[in-house]
Amino acid sequence: MTDINKVIDEMPTEVYERLLTAVELGKWDDGTVLTSQQRASTQQVVMLYQARKLHQTEHFTINSEGQVNELSKSELKKQFKGETIAKFKEKQL
């Protein structure tokens, strides 16, 4: 039996990125749709990788303790303060 911790420790970044894309899109690189079991298992591997190797602090990411980072509304406002999402042109007459 393979130790999942060893798999995560030795997983190249490229493999993680492919697994992440598969979970996000619901299909493999070749277009084959993931089964519900494949999606659940792949999502668990992605979350373990994020927790152990990425040390993320963004909203709704997995932290090093394996918990979901949930930022407060005020923290999110600070994070996005001053960023322009869209710019509209005024209608010229």
C-alpha atoms as a PDB file:
ATOM      1  CA  MET A   1       0.000   0.000   0.000  1.00  0.00           C
ATOM      2  CA  THR A   2       1.297   3.451  -0.953  1.00  0.00           C
ATOM      3  CA  ASP A   3       1.740   6.049   1.777  1.00  0.00           C
ATOM      4  CA  ILE A   4      -0.182   9.175   0.708  1.00  0.00           C
ATOM      5  CA  ASN A   5       2.257  11.416   2.586  1.00  0.00           C
ATOM      6  CA  LYS A   6       5.141  10.061   0.515  1.00  0.00           C
ATOM      7  CA  VAL A   7       3.121  10.571  -2.679  1.00  0.00           C
ATOM      8  CA  ILE A   8       2.418  14.213  -1.751  1.00  0.00           C
ATOM      9  CA  ASP A   9       6.024  14.868  -0.731  1.00  0.00           C
ATOM     10  CA  GLU A  10       7.357  13.520  -4.030  1.00  0.00           C
ATOM     11  CA  MET A  11       4.637  14.939  -6.313  1.00  0.00           C
ATOM     12  CA  PRO A  12       5.984  17.332  -8.960  1.00  0.00           C
ATOM     13  CA  THR A  13       4.249  20.696  -9.293  1.00  0.00           C
ATOM     14  CA  GLU A  14       3.149  19.805 -12.847  1.00  0.00           C
ATOM     15  CA  VAL A  15       1.214  16.771 -11.576  1.00  0.00           C
ATOM     16  CA  TYR A  16      -0.493  18.876  -8.884  1.00  0.00           C
ATOM     17  CA  GLU A  17      -1.487  21.469 -11.507  1.00  0.00           C
ATOM     18  CA  ARG A  18      -2.989  18.768 -13.760  1.00  0.00           C
ATOM     19  CA  LEU A  19      -4.945  17.298 -10.853  1.00  0.00           C
ATOM     20  CA  LEU A  20      -6.172  20.754  -9.845  1.00  0.00           C
ATOM     21  CA  THR A  21      -7.342  21.463 -13.392  1.00  0.00           C
ATOM     22  CA  ALA A  22      -9.110  18.093 -13.533  1.00  0.00           C
ATOM     23  CA  VAL A  23     -10.991  18.874 -10.309  1.00  0.00           C
ATOM     24  CA  GLU A  24     -11.893  22.386 -11.474  1.00  0.00           C
ATOM     25  CA  LEU A  25     -13.113  21.297 -14.932  1.00  0.00           C
ATOM     26  CA  GLY A  26     -14.432  17.849 -14.017  1.00  0.00           C
ATOM     27  CA  LYS A  27     -12.429  16.173 -16.763  1.00  0.00           C
ATOM     28  CA  TRP A  28      -8.927  14.926 -17.523  1.00  0.00           C
ATOM     29  CA  ASP A  29      -6.559  16.584 -20.010  1.00  0.00           C
ATOM     30  CA  ASP A  30      -7.804  14.281 -22.793  1.00  0.00           C
ATOM     31  CA  GLY A  31     -11.430  15.348 -22.208  1.00  0.00           C
ATOM     32  CA  THR A  32     -12.546  12.206 -20.369  1.00  0.00           C
ATOM     33  CA  VAL A  33     -15.050  13.132 -17.657  1.00  0.00           C
ATOM     34  CA  LEU A  34     -14.044  12.247 -14.087  1.00  0.00           C
ATOM     35  CA  THR A  35     -16.301   9.829 -12.268  1.00  0.00           C
ATOM     36  CA  SER A  36     -17.662  11.054  -8.947  1.00  0.00           C
ATOM     37  CA  GLN A  37     -15.171   8.762  -7.153  1.00  0.00           C
ATOM     38  CA  GLN A  38     -12.242  10.065  -9.231  1.00  0.00           C
ATOM     39  CA  ARG A  39     -13.263  13.654  -8.579  1.00  0.00           C
ATOM     40  CA  ALA A  40     -13.563  13.083  -4.819  1.00  0.00           C
ATOM     41  CA  SER A  41     -10.214  11.282  -4.608  1.00  0.00           C
ATOM     42  CA  THR A  42      -8.455  13.819  -6.800  1.00  0.00           C
ATOM     43  CA  GLN A  43      -9.880  16.690  -4.761  1.00  0.00           C
ATOM     44  CA  GLN A  44      -8.546  15.105  -1.561  1.00  0.00           C
ATOM     45  CA  VAL A  45      -5.066  14.789  -3.085  1.00  0.00           C
ATOM     46  CA  VAL A  46      -5.201  18.420  -4.250  1.00  0.00           C
ATOM     47  CA  MET A  47      -6.216  19.601  -0.775  1.00  0.00           C
ATOM     48  CA  LEU A  48      -3.451  17.549   0.880  1.00  0.00           C
ATOM     49  CA  TYR A  49      -0.888  18.979  -1.524  1.00  0.00           C
ATOM     50  CA  GLN A  50      -2.098  22.531  -0.848  1.00  0.00           C
ATOM     51  CA  ALA A  51      -1.973  22.010   2.910  1.00  0.00           C
ATOM     52  CA  ARG A  52       1.476  20.428   2.948  1.00  0.00           C
ATOM     53  CA  LYS A  53       3.344  22.296   0.234  1.00  0.00           C
ATOM     54  CA  LEU A  54       1.735  25.624  -0.692  1.00  0.00           C
ATOM     55  CA  HIS A  55       1.226  27.378   2.674  1.00  0.00           C
ATOM     56  CA  GLN A  56      -1.637  29.442   1.281  1.00  0.00           C
ATOM     57  CA  THR A  57      -3.368  32.255   3.117  1.00  0.00           C
ATOM     58  CA  GLU A  58      -5.916  33.338   0.495  1.00  0.00           C
ATOM     59  CA  HIS A  59      -9.672  33.049   1.075  1.00  0.00           C
ATOM     60  CA  PHE A  60     -11.049  29.487   0.764  1.00  0.00           C
ATOM     61  CA  THR A  61      -7.667  27.814   0.376  1.00  0.00           C
ATOM     62  CA  ILE A  62      -6.303  25.040   2.590  1.00  0.00           C
ATOM     63  CA  ASN A  63      -3.773  26.130   5.209  1.00  0.00           C
ATOM     64  CA  SER A  64      -0.887  24.093   6.629  1.00  0.00           C
ATOM     65  CA  GLU A  65      -3.109  22.791   9.455  1.00  0.00           C
ATOM     66  CA  GLY A  66      -5.518  21.348   6.877  1.00  0.00           C
ATOM     67  CA  GLN A  67      -8.226  23.918   7.610  1.00  0.00           C
ATOM     68  CA  VAL A  68      -9.987  26.162   5.117  1.00  0.00           C
ATOM     69  CA  ASN A  69      -8.874  29.798   5.282  1.00  0.00           C
ATOM     70  CA  GLU A  70     -11.962  31.947   5.664  1.00  0.00           C
ATOM     71  CA  LEU A  71     -11.226  35.637   5.619  1.00  0.00           C
ATOM     72  CA  SER A  72     -13.631  38.110   7.181  1.00  0.00           C
ATOM     73  CA  LYS A  73     -15.445  40.670   5.061  1.00  0.00           C
ATOM     74  CA  SER A  74     -13.144  43.436   6.328  1.00  0.00           C
ATOM     75  CA  GLU A  75     -10.036  41.356   5.501  1.00  0.00           C
ATOM     76  CA  LEU A  76     -11.347  40.759   1.974  1.00  0.00           C
ATOM     77  CA  LYS A  77     -12.067  44.478   1.540  1.00  0.00           C
ATOM     78  CA  LYS A  78      -8.485  45.301   2.576  1.00  0.00           C
ATOM     79  CA  GLN A  79      -7.138  42.696   0.169  1.00  0.00           C
ATOM     80  CA  PHE A  80      -9.047  44.077  -2.818  1.00  0.00           C
ATOM     81  CA  LYS A  81      -9.033  47.766  -1.904  1.00  0.00           C
ATOM     82  CA  GLY A  82      -8.098  49.952  -4.804  1.00  0.00           C
ATOM     83  CA  GLU A  83      -8.245  47.202  -7.434  1.00  0.00           C
ATOM     84  CA  THR A  84     -10.323  48.037 -10.470  1.00  0.00           C
ATOM     85  CA  ILE A  85     -12.510  45.156 -11.590  1.00  0.00           C
ATOM     86  CA  ALA A  86     -13.894  46.825 -14.698  1.00  0.00           C
ATOM     87  CA  LYS A  87     -13.692  50.190 -16.359  1.00  0.00           C
ATOM     88  CA  PHE A  88     -16.569  51.584 -18.376  1.00  0.00           C
ATOM     89  CA  LYS A  89     -16.289  54.150 -21.123  1.00  0.00           C
ATOM     90  CA  GLU A  90     -18.657  57.087 -21.084  1.00  0.00           C
ATOM     91  CA  LYS A  91     -21.050  57.135 -23.993  1.00  0.00           C
ATOM     92  CA  GLN A  92     -20.064  59.872 -26.453  1.00  0.00           C
ATOM     93  CA  LEU A  93     -22.909  61.817 -28.040  1.00  0.00           C
END
